[in-house]
Amino acid sequence: MSEYRSGPGRWTGASLAVLSLIPALISWSLFSGPLPDDIRRYEDYAAAPPCADSTGDCIRTLPLAVDHTVVKKGKGGKFEATLSGQDSRKIVVLFGDPGPLLAQLEPRDQVTATVWRGRVMAVTKGDVRQSSADEPRDDAQMTAGLGTFAGLVAALGLAFATALLAGLGGRPPWTWRSLGMPLLIGSALTCLAVAVPALLIGLPWWVVPGVAVPFVAYAAWQLHRYRQRQQRSDRVE
């Protein structure tokens, strides 16, 4: 027992506990910053009236002309359109992908820009509309999934740190192969499996941690029990 409670083991456990604070801080920052900010911004955008009916936080449309476009796919891809109005002022609009409109635009094409809070939210030509990278999106479920995964990674790190400090590190089931890797992969797959359907169906963001955390916790408990039974069985044999 003494070799598992040696100084290096305690130092490893303490170091892992400190490192676990990194994903914990990432999780906290996502849930306290980008998540509520994105939800609030999307709700404000969805509720904003046309400027013809309001002079406050409203949405207006501007006729603009295309100067040139950049469609660069692959690593380091770049998708943007430079537009200009009657005053010749240049407006650079960034997009996340080339379609459905950007790849079709040619210089001197006439388009309509949807503007909110001084930024172009979308560009329309005829019946084809493409959202810009600035347009608020109702995708808080994916942010919640990322934050939940970071929190689970922090919990996994703290669990192993505790095991190391208690002298259990390096002995089954507290090994990377027995518990660490399966739980890390399982946490990632669970968060993805909950966040994507929640986004597609339109479920509230809190469903993601509400389902993923109890599921992973139960799976971790069952896996730990299974590894312990397996260890006892190996000793008997």
Protein backbone atom coordinates (compact mmCIF):
# COMPACT_ATOMS: atom_id res chain seq x y z
CA MET A 1 0.00 0.00 0.00
CA SER A 2 2.84 2.37 0.74
CA GLU A 3 4.11 2.40 -2.85
CA TYR A 4 0.79 3.79 -4.03
CA ARG A 5 0.92 6.54 -1.48
CA SER A 6 4.37 7.66 -2.39
CA GLY A 7 5.31 11.27 -2.91
CA PRO A 8 5.22 11.12 -6.75
CA GLY A 9 1.70 9.68 -6.63
CA ARG A 10 0.49 12.51 -4.46
CA TRP A 11 2.21 15.08 -6.67
CA THR A 12 0.59 13.55 -9.76
CA GLY A 13 -2.79 13.67 -8.09
CA ALA A 14 -2.33 17.28 -7.03
CA SER A 15 -1.15 18.26 -10.52
CA LEU A 16 -4.14 16.52 -12.12
CA ALA A 17 -6.49 18.30 -9.72
CA VAL A 18 -5.04 21.65 -10.76
CA LEU A 19 -5.22 20.76 -14.47
CA SER A 20 -8.87 19.76 -14.03
CA LEU A 21 -9.62 23.38 -13.21
CA ILE A 22 -8.98 24.27 -16.87
CA PRO A 23 -11.99 22.37 -18.32
CA ALA A 24 -13.99 23.43 -15.25
CA LEU A 25 -13.31 27.09 -16.04
CA ILE A 26 -14.13 26.51 -19.72
CA SER A 27 -17.46 24.97 -18.75
CA TRP A 28 -18.25 27.81 -16.34
CA SER A 29 -17.32 30.48 -18.89
CA LEU A 30 -19.51 28.92 -21.58
CA PHE A 31 -22.55 28.64 -19.35
CA SER A 32 -22.10 32.09 -17.81
CA GLY A 33 -20.99 34.02 -20.91
CA PRO A 34 -21.60 32.94 -24.53
CA LEU A 35 -24.67 30.81 -23.79
CA PRO A 36 -26.88 33.48 -22.14
CA ASP A 37 -25.46 36.20 -24.42
CA ASP A 38 -26.29 34.24 -27.58
CA ILE A 39 -29.78 33.41 -26.32
CA ARG A 40 -30.47 37.04 -25.44
CA ARG A 41 -29.13 38.28 -28.79
CA TYR A 42 -31.22 35.78 -30.74
CA GLU A 43 -34.36 36.72 -28.83
CA ASP A 44 -33.70 40.43 -29.44
CA TYR A 45 -33.18 39.81 -33.14
CA ALA A 46 -36.31 37.68 -33.47
CA ALA A 47 -38.37 40.36 -31.71
CA ALA A 48 -36.95 43.33 -33.62
CA PRO A 49 -39.57 45.02 -35.86
CA PRO A 50 -38.93 46.49 -39.32
CA CYS A 51 -37.57 50.03 -39.18
CA ALA A 52 -40.58 51.24 -41.14
CA ASP A 53 -42.65 50.55 -38.01
CA SER A 54 -40.08 51.55 -35.40
CA THR A 55 -37.09 53.82 -34.93
CA GLY A 56 -35.46 51.91 -32.06
CA ASP A 57 -33.83 48.49 -32.17
CA CYS A 58 -35.22 47.62 -35.59
CA ILE A 59 -34.32 45.75 -38.77
CA ARG A 60 -33.85 47.64 -42.02
CA THR A 61 -33.13 46.59 -45.58
CA LEU A 62 -30.64 48.26 -47.87
CA PRO A 63 -30.17 47.90 -51.64
CA LEU A 64 -26.47 47.23 -52.29
CA ALA A 65 -24.26 46.26 -55.19
CA VAL A 66 -21.69 43.48 -55.24
CA ASP A 67 -18.11 44.65 -55.74
CA HIS A 68 -16.44 41.27 -55.45
CA THR A 69 -16.63 38.00 -53.56
CA VAL A 70 -14.13 35.58 -52.03
CA VAL A 71 -14.94 31.86 -51.99
CA LYS A 72 -11.98 29.92 -50.63
CA LYS A 73 -12.69 26.37 -49.53
CA GLY A 74 -10.54 23.93 -47.62
CA LYS A 75 -8.19 24.61 -44.74
CA GLY A 76 -8.22 28.28 -43.84
CA GLY A 77 -11.33 28.80 -45.96
CA LYS A 78 -12.67 32.28 -46.49
CA PHE A 79 -16.16 33.28 -47.58
CA GLU A 80 -16.98 36.96 -47.90
CA ALA A 81 -18.66 39.53 -50.12
CA THR A 82 -17.73 43.18 -50.46
CA LEU A 83 -20.84 45.29 -51.04
CA SER A 84 -21.30 48.99 -51.68
CA GLY A 85 -24.24 51.36 -51.54
CA GLN A 86 -25.08 54.61 -53.29
CA ASP A 87 -22.61 56.47 -51.10
CA SER A 88 -19.83 54.10 -52.32
CA ARG A 89 -19.13 52.97 -48.77
CA LYS A 90 -17.69 49.46 -48.74
CA ILE A 91 -19.24 46.79 -46.51
CA VAL A 92 -17.49 43.45 -46.05
CA VAL A 93 -19.89 40.65 -45.13
CA LEU A 94 -18.55 37.37 -43.79
CA PHE A 95 -20.28 34.02 -44.35
CA GLY A 96 -19.79 30.54 -42.97
CA ASP A 97 -20.03 28.74 -46.31
CA PRO A 98 -20.40 29.47 -50.05
CA GLY A 99 -24.06 28.65 -50.45
CA PRO A 100 -26.77 29.04 -51.30
CA LEU A 101 -26.10 32.58 -52.56
CA LEU A 102 -22.49 33.67 -52.17
CA ALA A 103 -21.04 31.35 -54.82
CA GLN A 104 -23.59 32.67 -57.34
CA LEU A 105 -22.89 36.36 -56.88
CA GLU A 106 -21.04 38.30 -59.56
CA PRO A 107 -19.67 41.87 -59.55
CA ARG A 108 -22.38 44.53 -60.09
CA ASP A 109 -25.16 42.16 -58.97
CA GLN A 110 -27.88 43.97 -57.05
CA VAL A 111 -28.72 42.50 -53.66
CA THR A 112 -30.71 43.42 -50.56
CA ALA A 113 -28.96 43.44 -47.20
CA THR A 114 -30.80 42.89 -43.93
CA VAL A 115 -29.17 45.17 -41.34
CA TRP A 116 -29.55 45.02 -37.56
CA ARG A 117 -27.54 47.00 -35.04
CA GLY A 118 -25.25 48.27 -37.76
CA ARG A 119 -24.26 44.85 -39.12
CA VAL A 120 -25.46 42.86 -42.11
CA MET A 121 -27.43 39.83 -40.94
CA ALA A 122 -28.30 38.39 -44.35
CA VAL A 123 -28.02 39.03 -48.07
CA THR A 124 -30.87 38.34 -50.49
CA LYS A 125 -31.06 38.20 -54.27
CA GLY A 126 -34.45 37.39 -55.68
CA ASP A 127 -35.82 34.47 -53.68
CA VAL A 128 -32.40 33.28 -52.48
CA ARG A 129 -31.31 34.35 -49.02
CA GLN A 130 -28.09 33.59 -47.15
CA SER A 131 -27.38 34.35 -43.53
CA SER A 132 -24.13 36.07 -42.67
CA ALA A 133 -21.76 34.91 -39.96
CA ASP A 134 -23.15 37.71 -37.74
CA GLU A 135 -26.79 36.65 -37.82
CA PRO A 136 -27.90 35.27 -34.43
CA ARG A 137 -28.73 31.58 -34.47
CA ASP A 138 -30.87 29.46 -32.21
CA ASP A 139 -28.13 26.89 -31.54
CA ALA A 140 -27.61 27.20 -27.80
CA GLN A 141 -27.91 23.41 -27.54
CA MET A 142 -24.48 22.96 -29.14
CA THR A 143 -22.89 25.48 -26.77
CA ALA A 144 -24.53 23.65 -23.88
CA GLY A 145 -23.16 20.36 -25.22
CA LEU A 146 -19.62 21.75 -25.33
CA GLY A 147 -19.94 23.23 -21.86
CA THR A 148 -21.36 19.99 -20.49
CA PHE A 149 -18.52 17.97 -22.00
CA ALA A 150 -15.94 20.32 -20.49
CA GLY A 151 -17.61 19.94 -17.11
CA LEU A 152 -17.59 16.14 -17.39
CA VAL A 153 -13.90 16.18 -18.32
CA ALA A 154 -13.22 18.27 -15.22
CA ALA A 155 -15.18 15.83 -13.06
CA LEU A 156 -13.30 12.87 -14.55
CA GLY A 157 -9.97 14.56 -13.88
CA LEU A 158 -10.92 15.35 -10.29
CA ALA A 159 -12.06 11.76 -9.74
CA PHE A 160 -8.70 10.40 -10.90
CA ALA A 161 -6.88 13.06 -8.89
CA THR A 162 -8.74 11.94 -5.77
CA ALA A 163 -7.88 8.31 -6.51
CA LEU A 164 -4.21 9.20 -6.87
CA LEU A 165 -4.20 11.17 -3.63
CA ALA A 166 -5.90 8.24 -1.89
CA GLY A 167 -3.26 5.81 -3.14
CA LEU A 168 -5.52 4.04 -5.66
CA GLY A 169 -3.95 5.41 -8.84
CA GLY A 170 -2.40 2.85 -11.17
CA ARG A 171 -4.43 -0.03 -9.72
CA PRO A 172 -7.56 -1.40 -11.42
CA PRO A 173 -10.10 -0.04 -11.89
CA TRP A 174 -8.40 3.37 -11.55
CA THR A 175 -6.40 3.13 -14.75
CA TRP A 176 -6.67 5.03 -18.03
CA ARG A 177 -7.63 1.91 -19.95
CA SER A 178 -10.19 0.62 -17.45
CA LEU A 179 -12.04 3.84 -16.62
CA GLY A 180 -10.41 6.96 -18.06
CA MET A 181 -10.56 6.36 -21.80
CA PRO A 182 -14.04 4.71 -21.87
CA LEU A 183 -15.55 7.51 -19.79
CA LEU A 184 -13.87 10.28 -21.80
CA ILE A 185 -15.08 8.84 -25.11
CA GLY A 186 -18.48 8.03 -23.66
CA SER A 187 -18.88 11.58 -22.34
CA ALA A 188 -18.07 13.08 -25.73
CA LEU A 189 -20.46 10.76 -27.57
CA THR A 190 -23.23 11.31 -25.03
CA CYS A 191 -23.02 15.10 -25.20
CA LEU A 192 -23.05 14.96 -28.99
CA ALA A 193 -25.89 12.44 -29.07
CA VAL A 194 -28.03 14.69 -26.86
CA ALA A 195 -27.07 18.12 -28.24
CA VAL A 196 -27.60 17.38 -31.94
CA PRO A 197 -31.15 15.95 -31.61
CA ALA A 198 -32.03 18.73 -29.16
CA LEU A 199 -30.93 21.28 -31.77
CA LEU A 200 -32.82 19.57 -34.60
CA ILE A 201 -36.01 19.09 -32.59
CA GLY A 202 -35.82 22.52 -30.95
CA LEU A 203 -35.62 21.40 -27.33
CA PRO A 204 -34.40 23.95 -24.75
CA TRP A 205 -30.65 24.04 -24.12
CA TRP A 206 -30.93 22.86 -20.51
CA VAL A 207 -32.08 19.46 -21.74
CA VAL A 208 -28.49 18.74 -22.79
CA PRO A 209 -26.84 18.86 -19.33
CA GLY A 210 -30.06 17.60 -17.75
CA VAL A 211 -29.83 14.35 -19.74
CA ALA A 212 -26.10 13.97 -20.37
CA VAL A 213 -24.81 14.47 -16.81
CA PRO A 214 -27.07 11.88 -15.07
CA PHE A 215 -26.52 9.40 -17.90
CA VAL A 216 -22.72 9.67 -17.75
CA ALA A 217 -22.74 9.56 -13.95
CA TYR A 218 -24.83 6.37 -13.98
CA ALA A 219 -22.63 4.83 -16.70
CA ALA A 220 -19.49 5.69 -14.70
CA TRP A 221 -20.93 4.06 -11.57
CA GLN A 222 -21.91 0.90 -13.47
CA LEU A 223 -18.55 0.72 -15.25
CA HIS A 224 -16.71 1.12 -11.95
CA ARG A 225 -18.75 -1.71 -10.40
CA TYR A 226 -18.15 -3.90 -13.44
CA ARG A 227 -14.39 -3.32 -13.31
CA GLN A 228 -14.36 -4.14 -9.60
CA ARG A 229 -16.24 -7.43 -10.19
CA GLN A 230 -13.87 -8.21 -13.02
CA GLN A 231 -10.88 -7.56 -10.75
CA ARG A 232 -12.26 -9.84 -8.01
CA SER A 233 -12.94 -12.55 -10.58
CA ASP A 234 -9.37 -12.37 -11.85
CA ARG A 235 -8.04 -12.71 -8.29
CA VAL A 236 -10.13 -15.83 -7.69
CA GLU A 237 -8.85 -17.44 -10.85
